[in-house]
Amino acid sequence: MKGKIPTSGGENLANNPFASLDLGPLPAAPASSSGKVVEEQSAKAQRKLGKIHLRIERAGRGGKTVTVIFGEGVSRLDSAAQSALLRELKNTLGCGGATGQEPGTLELQGDERERAAAWLRRAGFVV
């Protein structure tokens, strides 16, 4: 039977296959003169995307909880960008959702206020 590899342990099984790799020195982290520059840049990026509010609703939904995302940051986006934002939120949070009944709103199934707010802050929105 050719092509079989012996598994008796006769060979050195403690061999590190990555030991022979030479990665060289790692590049240094980007230097910043102070933390203020980074904070100012992130604040400017947040102002560009706009402010977003989150609330939960149960009325008219058969007792189901829905997180509604609304505000300047959402209403400023065109319908394609709103759909892309909603799709990214749904994939990241692992929940369902739809564009809202009111124009400029997005709806996520369940009480996702905290997780959605954290994700939106990382994306550059002011929550």
Protein backbone atom coordinates (compact mmCIF):
# COMPACT_ATOMS: atom_id res chain seq x y z
CA MET A 1 0.00 0.00 0.00
CA LYS A 2 1.85 2.97 -1.17
CA GLY A 3 1.05 6.55 -0.30
CA LYS A 4 0.28 5.89 3.35
CA ILE A 5 2.01 7.96 5.98
CA PRO A 6 3.10 6.09 9.09
CA THR A 7 1.41 7.33 12.26
CA SER A 8 3.39 5.21 14.70
CA GLY A 9 5.14 8.29 16.11
CA GLY A 10 8.56 7.19 15.02
CA GLU A 11 9.29 10.58 13.53
CA ASN A 12 9.68 13.72 15.59
CA LEU A 13 6.08 14.93 16.00
CA ALA A 14 7.19 18.00 17.95
CA ASN A 15 8.58 19.61 14.81
CA ASN A 16 7.56 23.26 14.37
CA PRO A 17 6.88 23.88 10.66
CA PHE A 18 7.14 27.65 11.15
CA ALA A 19 10.53 27.64 12.83
CA SER A 20 12.40 28.12 9.56
CA LEU A 21 10.41 31.19 8.51
CA ASP A 22 12.29 34.48 8.68
CA LEU A 23 9.81 37.30 9.17
CA GLY A 24 12.42 39.96 9.82
CA PRO A 25 11.74 42.93 12.04
CA LEU A 26 8.13 43.98 12.35
CA PRO A 27 7.29 47.53 11.26
CA ALA A 28 6.86 50.10 14.00
CA ALA A 29 3.45 51.46 14.89
CA PRO A 30 2.56 54.77 13.25
CA ALA A 31 3.81 57.59 15.41
CA SER A 32 1.44 60.34 16.46
CA SER A 33 2.59 63.49 18.18
CA SER A 34 -0.30 63.40 20.62
CA GLY A 35 -3.61 61.67 21.21
CA LYS A 36 -5.45 64.92 20.46
CA VAL A 37 -4.81 64.64 16.73
CA VAL A 38 -6.40 61.20 16.60
CA GLU A 39 -9.37 62.34 18.72
CA GLU A 40 -9.95 65.42 16.54
CA GLN A 41 -9.85 63.34 13.36
CA SER A 42 -12.35 60.82 14.73
CA ALA A 43 -14.62 63.66 15.92
CA LYS A 44 -14.56 65.17 12.43
CA ALA A 45 -15.41 61.81 10.87
CA GLN A 46 -18.31 61.39 13.30
CA ARG A 47 -19.66 64.84 12.45
CA LYS A 48 -19.65 63.93 8.76
CA LEU A 49 -21.86 60.88 9.23
CA GLY A 50 -24.32 62.63 11.53
CA LYS A 51 -26.16 61.88 14.72
CA ILE A 52 -28.28 58.76 15.17
CA HIS A 53 -30.88 57.90 17.82
CA LEU A 54 -32.10 54.47 18.89
CA ARG A 55 -35.37 53.52 20.56
CA ILE A 56 -37.38 50.38 21.09
CA GLU A 57 -41.01 49.98 20.11
CA ARG A 58 -43.62 47.33 20.84
CA ALA A 59 -46.83 49.07 19.81
CA GLY A 60 -48.64 47.62 16.81
CA ARG A 61 -46.24 44.69 16.46
CA GLY A 62 -48.06 41.96 18.33
CA GLY A 63 -45.90 42.38 21.44
CA LYS A 64 -42.64 41.95 19.54
CA THR A 65 -39.77 44.31 20.35
CA VAL A 66 -38.15 46.28 17.55
CA THR A 67 -35.12 48.60 17.75
CA VAL A 68 -35.70 51.69 15.61
CA ILE A 69 -32.68 53.61 14.32
CA PHE A 70 -33.42 57.15 13.15
CA GLY A 71 -31.92 60.61 12.98
CA GLU A 72 -29.89 62.88 10.76
CA GLY A 73 -27.26 60.22 10.05
CA VAL A 74 -29.84 57.84 8.55
CA SER A 75 -32.11 60.34 6.82
CA ARG A 76 -29.10 61.90 5.12
CA LEU A 77 -28.29 58.62 3.32
CA ASP A 78 -29.95 57.65 0.05
CA SER A 79 -32.03 54.47 -0.07
CA ALA A 80 -29.17 52.32 -1.41
CA ALA A 81 -26.84 53.45 1.38
CA GLN A 82 -29.59 52.88 3.97
CA SER A 83 -30.07 49.34 2.65
CA ALA A 84 -26.32 48.70 2.77
CA LEU A 85 -26.13 50.02 6.36
CA LEU A 86 -29.09 47.85 7.38
CA ARG A 87 -27.59 44.77 5.72
CA GLU A 88 -24.26 45.32 7.50
CA LEU A 89 -26.02 45.79 10.86
CA LYS A 90 -28.11 42.65 10.38
CA ASN A 91 -25.08 40.56 9.42
CA THR A 92 -22.94 41.87 12.26
CA LEU A 93 -25.58 41.64 14.99
CA GLY A 94 -27.16 38.41 13.74
CA CYS A 95 -30.73 39.64 13.72
CA GLY A 96 -33.46 40.45 11.24
CA GLY A 97 -34.53 43.88 10.17
CA ALA A 98 -36.17 46.06 7.57
CA THR A 99 -36.38 49.65 6.44
CA GLY A 100 -38.77 51.50 8.69
CA GLN A 101 -42.39 52.38 8.14
CA GLU A 102 -41.46 56.05 8.49
CA PRO A 103 -39.00 57.47 5.94
CA GLY A 104 -35.42 57.64 7.20
CA THR A 105 -35.72 54.86 9.78
CA LEU A 106 -34.25 51.38 10.06
CA GLU A 107 -35.73 48.59 12.19
CA LEU A 108 -33.91 45.67 13.82
CA GLN A 109 -35.72 42.74 15.41
CA GLY A 110 -35.32 42.56 19.18
CA ASP A 111 -33.79 44.92 21.71
CA GLU A 112 -30.43 45.56 20.03
CA ARG A 113 -29.86 49.12 21.31
CA GLU A 114 -26.54 48.55 23.08
CA ARG A 115 -24.94 46.34 20.44
CA ALA A 116 -26.18 48.50 17.57
CA ALA A 117 -25.00 51.69 19.30
CA ALA A 118 -21.52 50.22 19.81
CA TRP A 119 -21.32 49.13 16.17
CA LEU A 120 -22.56 52.50 14.89
CA ARG A 121 -19.99 54.35 17.02
CA ARG A 122 -17.23 52.20 15.55
CA ALA A 123 -18.61 52.96 12.08
CA GLY A 124 -18.28 56.70 12.77
CA PHE A 125 -21.79 57.78 13.70
CA VAL A 126 -22.58 59.88 16.77
CA VAL A 127 -25.09 57.93 18.88
